[in-house]
Amino acid sequence: MCTYTTVKDSVDGSAKGPGGAWFHVSDVTVYFDHPVHAMAEHTLNIDFADPSKGPSARVALELTAESARRLVAAVQEALAAVPAELTV
């Protein structure tokens, strides 16, 4: 069953795309759906993009639900381990 739940937000960062070139990312889209490539029935899909640069300025992740939960925990642990003034 698909929920079609999609969360979009703005981000400020960089990603390494096709050919190993870095580009700015300004948008993130997160949704739980059927993957394109991952060998799972459903995955949490995360797309980082810079729409102003066209469809090639995109990095996509397809993670199992458990992997996505571990990623969230790892991000929270990494951010908690540094002084607050470095994260502003």
Protein backbone atom coordinates (compact mmCIF):
# COMPACT_ATOMS: atom_id res chain seq x y z
CA MET A 1 0.00 0.00 0.00
CA CYS A 2 1.31 3.44 -0.90
CA THR A 3 0.59 6.45 1.27
CA TYR A 4 1.78 9.06 -1.24
CA THR A 5 3.05 11.01 1.77
CA THR A 6 5.70 13.39 0.49
CA VAL A 7 7.62 15.93 2.53
CA LYS A 8 9.45 18.75 0.76
CA ASP A 9 11.74 21.29 2.37
CA SER A 10 14.62 23.60 1.62
CA VAL A 11 18.21 22.73 2.53
CA ASP A 12 21.59 24.38 2.15
CA GLY A 13 24.47 22.10 1.31
CA SER A 14 26.43 20.31 -1.38
CA ALA A 15 26.24 16.90 -3.02
CA LYS A 16 28.53 14.94 -5.30
CA GLY A 17 26.66 14.03 -8.44
CA PRO A 18 27.23 12.18 -11.69
CA GLY A 19 30.82 12.31 -12.86
CA GLY A 20 32.05 13.22 -9.38
CA ALA A 21 31.21 16.91 -9.68
CA TRP A 22 30.00 18.77 -6.59
CA PHE A 23 26.93 20.99 -6.82
CA HIS A 24 24.81 23.06 -4.44
CA VAL A 25 21.59 21.46 -3.16
CA SER A 26 18.66 23.65 -2.21
CA ASP A 27 15.74 21.22 -2.06
CA VAL A 28 15.01 17.91 -0.36
CA THR A 29 12.08 15.59 -1.00
CA VAL A 30 11.40 12.66 1.33
CA TYR A 31 8.79 9.99 0.70
CA PHE A 32 8.05 6.32 1.47
CA ASP A 33 7.22 4.37 -1.68
CA HIS A 34 8.31 1.63 -4.03
CA PRO A 35 12.02 1.99 -4.86
CA VAL A 36 13.42 2.26 -8.35
CA HIS A 37 16.61 0.32 -7.66
CA ALA A 38 16.83 -0.98 -4.07
CA MET A 39 15.86 -4.60 -3.50
CA ALA A 40 12.99 -3.95 -1.10
CA GLU A 41 9.21 -3.73 -1.37
CA HIS A 42 9.14 -0.16 0.00
CA THR A 43 11.88 2.30 0.90
CA LEU A 44 12.30 5.74 2.36
CA ASN A 45 13.40 7.79 -0.62
CA ILE A 46 15.39 10.99 -0.18
CA ASP A 47 16.15 13.27 -3.12
CA PHE A 48 18.56 16.19 -2.76
CA ALA A 49 18.42 18.58 -5.71
CA ASP A 50 19.07 21.99 -7.17
CA PRO A 51 16.09 22.47 -9.51
CA SER A 52 17.68 25.55 -11.07
CA LYS A 53 20.33 23.29 -12.62
CA GLY A 54 17.94 20.78 -14.16
CA PRO A 55 17.32 17.08 -13.51
CA SER A 56 20.99 16.07 -13.51
CA ALA A 57 21.63 18.11 -10.32
CA ARG A 58 20.07 15.43 -8.12
CA VAL A 59 21.25 12.79 -5.68
CA ALA A 60 18.78 10.11 -4.65
CA LEU A 61 18.80 7.60 -1.77
CA GLU A 62 16.56 4.58 -1.30
CA LEU A 63 16.79 3.19 2.24
CA THR A 64 14.93 0.42 4.00
CA ALA A 65 12.87 1.71 6.93
CA GLU A 66 15.39 0.27 9.41
CA SER A 67 18.32 1.83 7.56
CA ALA A 68 16.51 5.19 7.51
CA ARG A 69 15.95 4.99 11.27
CA ARG A 70 19.66 4.22 11.80
CA LEU A 71 20.58 7.18 9.57
CA VAL A 72 18.37 9.53 11.63
CA ALA A 73 19.94 8.22 14.85
CA ALA A 74 23.46 8.64 13.43
CA VAL A 75 22.74 12.23 12.34
CA GLN A 76 21.33 13.07 15.76
CA GLU A 77 24.31 11.46 17.52
CA ALA A 78 26.82 13.32 15.34
CA LEU A 79 25.10 16.67 15.91
CA ALA A 80 24.86 16.06 19.67
CA ALA A 81 28.59 15.36 19.86
CA VAL A 82 29.72 18.83 18.71
CA PRO A 83 29.51 22.18 20.51
CA ALA A 84 26.22 23.96 19.84
CA GLU A 85 27.97 27.06 18.50
CA LEU A 86 29.33 25.02 15.59
CA THR A 87 25.85 23.98 14.46
CA VAL A 88 24.32 27.42 13.86
